[in-house]
All heavy atoms as atom14 arrays in JSON, in Angstrom:
{
  "sequence": "ERICFYAHDDSAFLTFDYYEIDAVILHPDEVIFYNHGERHILSDI",
  "atom14_mask": [
    [1, 1, 1, 1, 1, 1, 1, 1, 1, 0, 0, 0, 0, 0],
    [1, 1, 1, 1, 1, 1, 1, 1, 1, 1, 1, 0, 0, 0],
    [1, 1, 1, 1, 1, 1, 1, 1, 0, 0, 0, 0, 0, 0],
    [1, 1, 1, 1, 1, 1, 0, 0, 0, 0, 0, 0, 0, 0],
    [1, 1, 1, 1, 1, 1, 1, 1, 1, 1, 1, 0, 0, 0],
    [1, 1, 1, 1, 1, 1, 1, 1, 1, 1, 1, 1, 0, 0],
    [1, 1, 1, 1, 1, 0, 0, 0, 0, 0, 0, 0, 0, 0],
    [1, 1, 1, 1, 1, 1, 1, 1, 1, 1, 0, 0, 0, 0],
    [1, 1, 1, 1, 1, 1, 1, 1, 0, 0, 0, 0, 0, 0],
    [1, 1, 1, 1, 1, 1, 1, 1, 0, 0, 0, 0, 0, 0],
    [1, 1, 1, 1, 1, 1, 0, 0, 0, 0, 0, 0, 0, 0],
    [1, 1, 1, 1, 1, 0, 0, 0, 0, 0, 0, 0, 0, 0],
    [1, 1, 1, 1, 1, 1, 1, 1, 1, 1, 1, 0, 0, 0],
    [1, 1, 1, 1, 1, 1, 1, 1, 0, 0, 0, 0, 0, 0],
    [1, 1, 1, 1, 1, 1, 1, 0, 0, 0, 0, 0, 0, 0],
    [1, 1, 1, 1, 1, 1, 1, 1, 1, 1, 1, 0, 0, 0],
    [1, 1, 1, 1, 1, 1, 1, 1, 0, 0, 0, 0, 0, 0],
    [1, 1, 1, 1, 1, 1, 1, 1, 1, 1, 1, 1, 0, 0],
    [1, 1, 1, 1, 1, 1, 1, 1, 1, 1, 1, 1, 0, 0],
    [1, 1, 1, 1, 1, 1, 1, 1, 1, 0, 0, 0, 0, 0],
    [1, 1, 1, 1, 1, 1, 1, 1, 0, 0, 0, 0, 0, 0],
    [1, 1, 1, 1, 1, 1, 1, 1, 0, 0, 0, 0, 0, 0],
    [1, 1, 1, 1, 1, 0, 0, 0, 0, 0, 0, 0, 0, 0],
    [1, 1, 1, 1, 1, 1, 1, 0, 0, 0, 0, 0, 0, 0],
    [1, 1, 1, 1, 1, 1, 1, 1, 0, 0, 0, 0, 0, 0],
    [1, 1, 1, 1, 1, 1, 1, 1, 0, 0, 0, 0, 0, 0],
    [1, 1, 1, 1, 1, 1, 1, 1, 1, 1, 0, 0, 0, 0],
    [1, 1, 1, 1, 1, 1, 1, 0, 0, 0, 0, 0, 0, 0],
    [1, 1, 1, 1, 1, 1, 1, 1, 0, 0, 0, 0, 0, 0],
    [1, 1, 1, 1, 1, 1, 1, 1, 1, 0, 0, 0, 0, 0],
    [1, 1, 1, 1, 1, 1, 1, 0, 0, 0, 0, 0, 0, 0],
    [1, 1, 1, 1, 1, 1, 1, 1, 0, 0, 0, 0, 0, 0],
    [1, 1, 1, 1, 1, 1, 1, 1, 1, 1, 1, 0, 0, 0],
    [1, 1, 1, 1, 1, 1, 1, 1, 1, 1, 1, 1, 0, 0],
    [1, 1, 1, 1, 1, 1, 1, 1, 0, 0, 0, 0, 0, 0],
    [1, 1, 1, 1, 1, 1, 1, 1, 1, 1, 0, 0, 0, 0],
    [1, 1, 1, 1, 0, 0, 0, 0, 0, 0, 0, 0, 0, 0],
    [1, 1, 1, 1, 1, 1, 1, 1, 1, 0, 0, 0, 0, 0],
    [1, 1, 1, 1, 1, 1, 1, 1, 1, 1, 1, 0, 0, 0],
    [1, 1, 1, 1, 1, 1, 1, 1, 1, 1, 0, 0, 0, 0],
    [1, 1, 1, 1, 1, 1, 1, 1, 0, 0, 0, 0, 0, 0],
    [1, 1, 1, 1, 1, 1, 1, 1, 0, 0, 0, 0, 0, 0],
    [1, 1, 1, 1, 1, 1, 0, 0, 0, 0, 0, 0, 0, 0],
    [1, 1, 1, 1, 1, 1, 1, 1, 0, 0, 0, 0, 0, 0],
    [1, 1, 1, 1, 1, 1, 1, 1, 0, 0, 0, 0, 0, 0]
  ],
  "atom14_positions": [
    [[74.74, 100.06, 104.42], [76.0, 100.08, 103.73], [76.3, 101.38, 102.96], [77.45, 101.71, 102.72], [76.07, 98.92, 102.7], [76.05, 97.57, 103.37], [76.18, 96.42, 102.39], [76.49, 96.67, 101.2], [75.93, 95.29, 102.79], [0.0, 0.0, 0.0], [0.0, 0.0, 0.0], [0.0, 0.0, 0.0], [0.0, 0.0, 0.0], [0.0, 0.0, 0.0]],
    [[75.26, 102.08, 102.51], [75.47, 103.25, 101.66], [74.19, 104.06, 101.51], [73.15, 103.67, 101.99], [75.95, 102.82, 100.3], [74.99, 101.86, 99.6], [75.54, 101.13, 98.45], [74.64, 100.08, 98.02], [74.7, 99.5, 96.87], [75.57, 99.89, 95.97], [73.82, 98.57, 96.53], [0.0, 0.0, 0.0], [0.0, 0.0, 0.0], [0.0, 0.0, 0.0]],
    [[74.34, 105.22, 100.81], [73.18, 105.98, 100.43], [72.87, 105.64, 99.0], [73.74, 105.5, 98.16], [73.44, 107.52, 100.53], [73.67, 107.93, 101.96], [72.3, 108.33, 99.89], [74.1, 109.4, 102.13], [0.0, 0.0, 0.0], [0.0, 0.0, 0.0], [0.0, 0.0, 0.0], [0.0, 0.0, 0.0], [0.0, 0.0, 0.0], [0.0, 0.0, 0.0]],
    [[71.58, 105.5, 98.68], [71.13, 105.16, 97.35], [70.06, 106.15, 96.9], [69.23, 106.57, 97.71], [70.54, 103.75, 97.27], [71.64, 102.46, 97.89], [0.0, 0.0, 0.0], [0.0, 0.0, 0.0], [0.0, 0.0, 0.0], [0.0, 0.0, 0.0], [0.0, 0.0, 0.0], [0.0, 0.0, 0.0], [0.0, 0.0, 0.0], [0.0, 0.0, 0.0]],
    [[70.05, 106.48, 95.63], [68.97, 107.3, 95.08], [68.35, 106.58, 93.88], [69.04, 106.09, 93.01], [69.49, 108.65, 94.59], [68.44, 109.48, 93.93], [67.46, 110.07, 94.7], [68.38, 109.6, 92.56], [66.41, 110.79, 94.1], [67.36, 110.33, 91.95], [66.4, 110.94, 92.73], [0.0, 0.0, 0.0], [0.0, 0.0, 0.0], [0.0, 0.0, 0.0]],
    [[67.02, 106.54, 93.9], [66.25, 105.93, 92.84], [65.39, 107.03, 92.17], [64.55, 107.62, 92.86], [65.37, 104.8, 93.37], [64.47, 104.2, 92.33], [64.98, 103.36, 91.35], [63.13, 104.54, 92.28], [64.15, 102.8, 90.39], [62.29, 104.01, 91.32], [62.81, 103.15, 90.34], [62.0, 102.63, 89.39], [0.0, 0.0, 0.0], [0.0, 0.0, 0.0]],
    [[65.61, 107.33, 90.93], [64.84, 108.34, 90.21], [63.51, 107.73, 89.74], [63.51, 106.7, 89.07], [65.63, 108.83, 89.01], [0.0, 0.0, 0.0], [0.0, 0.0, 0.0], [0.0, 0.0, 0.0], [0.0, 0.0, 0.0], [0.0, 0.0, 0.0], [0.0, 0.0, 0.0], [0.0, 0.0, 0.0], [0.0, 0.0, 0.0], [0.0, 0.0, 0.0]],
    [[62.41, 108.38, 90.07], [61.1, 107.88, 89.74], [60.8, 107.93, 88.25], [60.11, 107.03, 87.72], [60.01, 108.66, 90.47], [60.07, 108.47, 91.97], [59.21, 109.12, 92.81], [60.86, 107.76, 92.77], [59.45, 108.78, 94.05], [60.5, 107.97, 94.05], [0.0, 0.0, 0.0], [0.0, 0.0, 0.0], [0.0, 0.0, 0.0], [0.0, 0.0, 0.0]],
    [[61.35, 108.93, 87.54], [60.98, 109.07, 86.13], [61.7, 108.14, 85.19], [61.11, 107.65, 84.23], [61.16, 110.55, 85.68], [62.59, 111.05, 85.85], [63.4, 110.33, 86.48], [62.89, 112.14, 85.38], [0.0, 0.0, 0.0], [0.0, 0.0, 0.0], [0.0, 0.0, 0.0], [0.0, 0.0, 0.0], [0.0, 0.0, 0.0], [0.0, 0.0, 0.0]],
    [[62.97, 107.88, 85.44], [63.69, 107.0, 84.5], [64.35, 105.8, 85.13], [65.15, 105.08, 84.51], [64.71, 107.83, 83.73], [65.8, 108.39, 84.62], [65.83, 108.11, 85.84], [66.66, 109.12, 84.12], [0.0, 0.0, 0.0], [0.0, 0.0, 0.0], [0.0, 0.0, 0.0], [0.0, 0.0, 0.0], [0.0, 0.0, 0.0], [0.0, 0.0, 0.0]],
    [[64.04, 105.54, 86.39], [64.54, 104.39, 87.12], [66.06, 104.38, 87.28], [66.68, 103.35, 87.5], [64.11, 103.06, 86.51], [62.72, 102.96, 86.5], [0.0, 0.0, 0.0], [0.0, 0.0, 0.0], [0.0, 0.0, 0.0], [0.0, 0.0, 0.0], [0.0, 0.0, 0.0], [0.0, 0.0, 0.0], [0.0, 0.0, 0.0], [0.0, 0.0, 0.0]],
    [[66.69, 105.58, 87.14], [68.16, 105.66, 87.39], [68.42, 105.31, 88.85], [67.63, 105.61, 89.73], [68.64, 107.07, 87.06], [0.0, 0.0, 0.0], [0.0, 0.0, 0.0], [0.0, 0.0, 0.0], [0.0, 0.0, 0.0], [0.0, 0.0, 0.0], [0.0, 0.0, 0.0], [0.0, 0.0, 0.0], [0.0, 0.0, 0.0], [0.0, 0.0, 0.0]],
    [[69.56, 104.7, 89.08], [69.94, 104.28, 90.43], [71.35, 104.72, 90.69], [72.26, 104.36, 89.96], [69.81, 102.78, 90.58], [69.96, 102.27, 91.97], [68.94, 102.37, 92.88], [71.14, 101.69, 92.36], [69.06, 101.92, 94.16], [71.29, 101.22, 93.68], [70.25, 101.31, 94.58], [0.0, 0.0, 0.0], [0.0, 0.0, 0.0], [0.0, 0.0, 0.0]],
    [[71.57, 105.54, 91.72], [72.87, 106.04, 92.09], [73.22, 105.55, 93.47], [72.33, 105.41, 94.33], [72.91, 107.56, 92.09], [72.43, 108.27, 90.81], [72.28, 109.76, 91.07], [73.44, 108.02, 89.71], [0.0, 0.0, 0.0], [0.0, 0.0, 0.0], [0.0, 0.0, 0.0], [0.0, 0.0, 0.0], [0.0, 0.0, 0.0], [0.0, 0.0, 0.0]],
    [[74.5, 105.33, 93.72], [74.95, 104.94, 95.07], [76.09, 105.79, 95.52], [76.92, 106.27, 94.74], [75.36, 103.46, 95.08], [76.5, 103.25, 94.26], [74.22, 102.54, 94.69], [0.0, 0.0, 0.0], [0.0, 0.0, 0.0], [0.0, 0.0, 0.0], [0.0, 0.0, 0.0], [0.0, 0.0, 0.0], [0.0, 0.0, 0.0], [0.0, 0.0, 0.0]],
    [[76.15, 105.97, 96.86], [77.22, 106.75, 97.49], [77.65, 106.01, 98.76], [76.91, 105.92, 99.72], [76.68, 108.15, 97.86], [75.99, 108.84, 96.78], [74.62, 108.75, 96.6], [76.7, 109.59, 95.83], [73.94, 109.4, 95.55], [76.08, 110.24, 94.79], [74.67, 110.16, 94.64], [0.0, 0.0, 0.0], [0.0, 0.0, 0.0], [0.0, 0.0, 0.0]],
    [[78.88, 105.44, 98.72], [79.37, 104.73, 99.9], [79.66, 105.72, 101.02], [80.15, 106.83, 100.77], [80.63, 103.96, 99.52], [80.37, 102.78, 98.6], [79.32, 102.13, 98.8], [81.17, 102.54, 97.7], [0.0, 0.0, 0.0], [0.0, 0.0, 0.0], [0.0, 0.0, 0.0], [0.0, 0.0, 0.0], [0.0, 0.0, 0.0], [0.0, 0.0, 0.0]],
    [[79.37, 105.33, 102.23], [79.58, 106.22, 103.39], [81.01, 106.7, 103.51], [81.26, 107.86, 103.78], [79.13, 105.55, 104.68], [77.65, 105.33, 104.78], [77.12, 104.06, 104.86], [76.78, 106.4, 104.78], [75.73, 103.87, 104.95], [75.42, 106.24, 104.87], [74.91, 104.96, 104.95], [73.55, 104.76, 105.03], [0.0, 0.0, 0.0], [0.0, 0.0, 0.0]],
    [[81.97, 105.83, 103.21], [83.37, 106.22, 103.37], [83.82, 107.21, 102.28], [84.9, 107.8, 102.39], [84.31, 104.98, 103.43], [84.33, 104.17, 102.18], [85.22, 104.48, 101.14], [83.52, 103.05, 102.03], [85.25, 103.69, 99.97], [83.53, 102.28, 100.88], [84.39, 102.64, 99.84], [84.43, 101.88, 98.72], [0.0, 0.0, 0.0], [0.0, 0.0, 0.0]],
    [[83.01, 107.36, 101.24], [83.33, 108.34, 100.17], [82.62, 109.67, 100.33], [82.76, 110.58, 99.53], [83.03, 107.72, 98.82], [83.91, 106.53, 98.49], [83.58, 105.88, 97.16], [82.44, 106.07, 96.66], [84.43, 105.18, 96.63], [0.0, 0.0, 0.0], [0.0, 0.0, 0.0], [0.0, 0.0, 0.0], [0.0, 0.0, 0.0], [0.0, 0.0, 0.0]],
    [[81.76, 109.77, 101.38], [81.06, 111.05, 101.62], [81.99, 111.97, 102.38], [82.51, 111.65, 103.43], [79.76, 110.8, 102.38], [78.8, 109.98, 101.49], [79.09, 112.1, 102.8], [77.54, 109.56, 102.16], [0.0, 0.0, 0.0], [0.0, 0.0, 0.0], [0.0, 0.0, 0.0], [0.0, 0.0, 0.0], [0.0, 0.0, 0.0], [0.0, 0.0, 0.0]],
    [[82.19, 113.18, 101.79], [83.12, 114.15, 102.4], [82.48, 114.9, 103.56], [83.13, 115.22, 104.54], [83.54, 115.17, 101.33], [84.16, 114.5, 100.12], [84.95, 113.53, 100.27], [83.81, 114.92, 98.99], [0.0, 0.0, 0.0], [0.0, 0.0, 0.0], [0.0, 0.0, 0.0], [0.0, 0.0, 0.0], [0.0, 0.0, 0.0], [0.0, 0.0, 0.0]],
    [[81.19, 115.23, 103.45], [80.52, 116.0, 104.48], [79.01, 115.92, 104.33], [78.5, 115.7, 103.26], [80.95, 117.49, 104.37], [0.0, 0.0, 0.0], [0.0, 0.0, 0.0], [0.0, 0.0, 0.0], [0.0, 0.0, 0.0], [0.0, 0.0, 0.0], [0.0, 0.0, 0.0], [0.0, 0.0, 0.0], [0.0, 0.0, 0.0], [0.0, 0.0, 0.0]],
    [[78.34, 116.09, 105.47], [76.88, 116.22, 105.47], [76.6, 117.58, 106.14], [77.12, 117.89, 107.2], [76.23, 115.13, 106.32], [74.73, 115.35, 106.48], [76.52, 113.74, 105.73], [0.0, 0.0, 0.0], [0.0, 0.0, 0.0], [0.0, 0.0, 0.0], [0.0, 0.0, 0.0], [0.0, 0.0, 0.0], [0.0, 0.0, 0.0], [0.0, 0.0, 0.0]],
    [[75.79, 118.37, 105.45], [75.42, 119.71, 105.98], [74.06, 119.55, 106.59], [73.1, 119.13, 105.92], [75.38, 120.76, 104.82], [76.67, 120.75, 104.0], [75.05, 122.13, 105.4], [77.92, 121.07, 104.78], [0.0, 0.0, 0.0], [0.0, 0.0, 0.0], [0.0, 0.0, 0.0], [0.0, 0.0, 0.0], [0.0, 0.0, 0.0], [0.0, 0.0, 0.0]],
    [[73.96, 119.87, 107.87], [72.7, 119.7, 108.57], [71.79, 120.87, 108.24], [72.14, 122.03, 108.4], [72.91, 119.64, 110.1], [73.76, 118.47, 110.56], [74.01, 118.5, 112.04], [73.12, 117.13, 110.14], [0.0, 0.0, 0.0], [0.0, 0.0, 0.0], [0.0, 0.0, 0.0], [0.0, 0.0, 0.0], [0.0, 0.0, 0.0], [0.0, 0.0, 0.0]],
    [[70.61, 120.53, 107.75], [69.6, 121.53, 107.38], [68.24, 120.9, 107.67], [68.04, 119.73, 107.4], [69.71, 121.85, 105.88], [68.92, 123.0, 105.45], [67.58, 122.94, 105.23], [69.26, 124.27, 105.2], [67.13, 124.11, 104.85], [68.14, 124.97, 104.82], [0.0, 0.0, 0.0], [0.0, 0.0, 0.0], [0.0, 0.0, 0.0], [0.0, 0.0, 0.0]],
    [[67.36, 121.67, 108.29], [66.07, 121.07, 108.71], [65.14, 120.64, 107.61], [64.28, 119.76, 107.8], [65.41, 122.15, 109.58], [66.03, 123.4, 109.11], [67.43, 123.06, 108.67], [0.0, 0.0, 0.0], [0.0, 0.0, 0.0], [0.0, 0.0, 0.0], [0.0, 0.0, 0.0], [0.0, 0.0, 0.0], [0.0, 0.0, 0.0], [0.0, 0.0, 0.0]],
    [[65.28, 121.22, 106.41], [64.36, 120.96, 105.3], [64.97, 120.26, 104.1], [64.3, 120.03, 103.12], [63.7, 122.28, 104.82], [62.97, 122.97, 105.95], [62.34, 122.29, 106.77], [63.05, 124.23, 105.98], [0.0, 0.0, 0.0], [0.0, 0.0, 0.0], [0.0, 0.0, 0.0], [0.0, 0.0, 0.0], [0.0, 0.0, 0.0], [0.0, 0.0, 0.0]],
    [[66.27, 120.0, 104.15], [66.95, 119.36, 103.0], [68.03, 118.39, 103.51], [68.46, 118.49, 104.63], [67.68, 120.45, 102.19], [66.76, 121.45, 101.56], [67.56, 122.53, 100.81], [68.64, 122.97, 101.29], [67.07, 122.95, 99.72], [0.0, 0.0, 0.0], [0.0, 0.0, 0.0], [0.0, 0.0, 0.0], [0.0, 0.0, 0.0], [0.0, 0.0, 0.0]],
    [[68.4, 117.52, 102.59], [69.59, 116.68, 102.83], [70.62, 117.2, 101.87], [70.39, 117.26, 100.67], [69.27, 115.21, 102.55], [70.57, 114.37, 102.61], [68.24, 114.68, 103.53], [0.0, 0.0, 0.0], [0.0, 0.0, 0.0], [0.0, 0.0, 0.0], [0.0, 0.0, 0.0], [0.0, 0.0, 0.0], [0.0, 0.0, 0.0], [0.0, 0.0, 0.0]],
    [[71.76, 117.6, 102.41], [72.86, 118.07, 101.6], [74.1, 117.3, 101.98], [74.48, 117.21, 103.17], [73.13, 119.62, 101.86], [71.87, 120.41, 101.62], [74.28, 120.1, 100.99], [71.95, 121.85, 102.08], [0.0, 0.0, 0.0], [0.0, 0.0, 0.0], [0.0, 0.0, 0.0], [0.0, 0.0, 0.0], [0.0, 0.0, 0.0], [0.0, 0.0, 0.0]],
    [[74.74, 116.68, 100.98], [75.97, 115.98, 101.25], [76.94, 116.13, 100.07], [76.53, 116.42, 98.95], [75.75, 114.51, 101.62], [75.21, 113.63, 100.5], [76.04, 112.89, 99.72], [73.82, 113.55, 100.31], [75.54, 112.09, 98.73], [73.31, 112.77, 99.31], [74.16, 112.0, 98.5], [0.0, 0.0, 0.0], [0.0, 0.0, 0.0], [0.0, 0.0, 0.0]],
    [[78.21, 115.95, 100.36], [79.26, 116.03, 99.35], [79.87, 114.66, 99.2], [80.24, 114.01, 100.17], [80.3, 117.05, 99.74], [79.82, 118.46, 99.69], [79.03, 118.99, 100.73], [80.07, 119.25, 98.58], [78.58, 120.3, 100.63], [79.58, 120.55, 98.48], [78.85, 121.07, 99.55], [78.4, 122.36, 99.48], [0.0, 0.0, 0.0], [0.0, 0.0, 0.0]],
    [[80.03, 114.24, 97.96], [80.63, 112.95, 97.64], [81.65, 113.23, 96.56], [81.33, 113.72, 95.5], [79.54, 112.01, 97.1], [80.09, 110.67, 96.66], [80.25, 110.45, 95.46], [80.34, 109.8, 97.59], [0.0, 0.0, 0.0], [0.0, 0.0, 0.0], [0.0, 0.0, 0.0], [0.0, 0.0, 0.0], [0.0, 0.0, 0.0], [0.0, 0.0, 0.0]],
    [[82.96, 112.93, 96.88], [84.03, 113.22, 95.93], [84.03, 114.71, 95.52], [84.26, 115.04, 94.34], [84.0, 112.34, 94.71], [84.25, 110.89, 95.0], [85.46, 110.42, 95.42], [83.44, 109.83, 94.93], [85.39, 109.13, 95.59], [84.18, 108.73, 95.32], [0.0, 0.0, 0.0], [0.0, 0.0, 0.0], [0.0, 0.0, 0.0], [0.0, 0.0, 0.0]],
    [[83.68, 115.59, 96.46], [83.68, 117.04, 96.21], [82.45, 117.53, 95.47], [82.28, 118.75, 95.3], [0.0, 0.0, 0.0], [0.0, 0.0, 0.0], [0.0, 0.0, 0.0], [0.0, 0.0, 0.0], [0.0, 0.0, 0.0], [0.0, 0.0, 0.0], [0.0, 0.0, 0.0], [0.0, 0.0, 0.0], [0.0, 0.0, 0.0], [0.0, 0.0, 0.0]],
    [[81.55, 116.65, 95.06], [80.34, 117.05, 94.34], [79.18, 117.24, 95.33], [78.98, 116.36, 96.19], [79.95, 116.06, 93.29], [81.01, 115.87, 92.26], [80.47, 115.96, 90.82], [79.28, 116.06, 90.65], [81.3, 115.85, 89.91], [0.0, 0.0, 0.0], [0.0, 0.0, 0.0], [0.0, 0.0, 0.0], [0.0, 0.0, 0.0], [0.0, 0.0, 0.0]],
    [[78.45, 118.29, 95.19], [77.3, 118.57, 96.09], [76.05, 117.88, 95.57], [75.73, 117.95, 94.38], [77.09, 120.08, 96.13], [76.01, 120.52, 97.04], [75.97, 122.04, 97.07], [74.82, 122.44, 97.79], [74.43, 123.68, 97.84], [75.07, 124.64, 97.2], [73.34, 124.03, 98.52], [0.0, 0.0, 0.0], [0.0, 0.0, 0.0], [0.0, 0.0, 0.0]],
    [[75.33, 117.23, 96.51], [74.09, 116.56, 96.21], [73.03, 117.06, 97.21], [73.32, 117.13, 98.39], [74.23, 115.05, 96.36], [75.35, 114.51, 95.53], [75.3, 114.34, 94.16], [76.6, 114.08, 95.87], [76.42, 113.86, 93.73], [77.24, 113.69, 94.73], [0.0, 0.0, 0.0], [0.0, 0.0, 0.0], [0.0, 0.0, 0.0], [0.0, 0.0, 0.0]],
    [[71.86, 117.38, 96.7], [70.79, 117.95, 97.56], [69.46, 117.24, 97.3], [69.07, 117.08, 96.12], [70.6, 119.45, 97.27], [71.89, 120.22, 97.47], [69.51, 120.03, 98.16], [71.85, 121.65, 96.98], [0.0, 0.0, 0.0], [0.0, 0.0, 0.0], [0.0, 0.0, 0.0], [0.0, 0.0, 0.0], [0.0, 0.0, 0.0], [0.0, 0.0, 0.0]],
    [[68.79, 116.85, 98.36], [67.4, 116.43, 98.27], [66.57, 117.52, 98.91], [66.72, 117.84, 100.08], [67.19, 115.09, 98.98], [65.8, 114.52, 98.79], [65.63, 113.92, 97.38], [65.45, 113.47, 99.82], [0.0, 0.0, 0.0], [0.0, 0.0, 0.0], [0.0, 0.0, 0.0], [0.0, 0.0, 0.0], [0.0, 0.0, 0.0], [0.0, 0.0, 0.0]],
    [[65.69, 118.15, 98.1], [64.84, 119.24, 98.59], [63.38, 118.93, 98.29], [63.07, 117.9, 97.72], [65.27, 120.55, 97.93], [65.12, 120.46, 96.53], [0.0, 0.0, 0.0], [0.0, 0.0, 0.0], [0.0, 0.0, 0.0], [0.0, 0.0, 0.0], [0.0, 0.0, 0.0], [0.0, 0.0, 0.0], [0.0, 0.0, 0.0], [0.0, 0.0, 0.0]],
    [[62.53, 119.85, 98.69], [61.1, 119.67, 98.47], [60.63, 118.28, 98.94], [59.94, 117.56, 98.25], [60.68, 119.86, 97.0], [61.08, 121.22, 96.51], [60.97, 122.23, 97.26], [61.46, 121.36, 95.33], [0.0, 0.0, 0.0], [0.0, 0.0, 0.0], [0.0, 0.0, 0.0], [0.0, 0.0, 0.0], [0.0, 0.0, 0.0], [0.0, 0.0, 0.0]],
    [[61.05, 117.95, 100.15], [60.82, 116.59, 100.69], [59.33, 116.41, 101.04], [58.77, 117.19, 101.74], [61.73, 116.36, 101.9], [63.21, 116.36, 101.4], [61.39, 115.03, 102.6], [64.22, 116.4, 102.52], [0.0, 0.0, 0.0], [0.0, 0.0, 0.0], [0.0, 0.0, 0.0], [0.0, 0.0, 0.0], [0.0, 0.0, 0.0], [0.0, 0.0, 0.0]]
  ]
}
């Protein structure tokens, strides 16, 4: 249904519905996506 992020240090939980994702940038070592114009990156995977 969506992308979810769970922060290990403070148990924060964020969600991003697929229909609200503006773009996914393909990168071999990171996940980069835009949601409502805001850039989100998962690195050091």
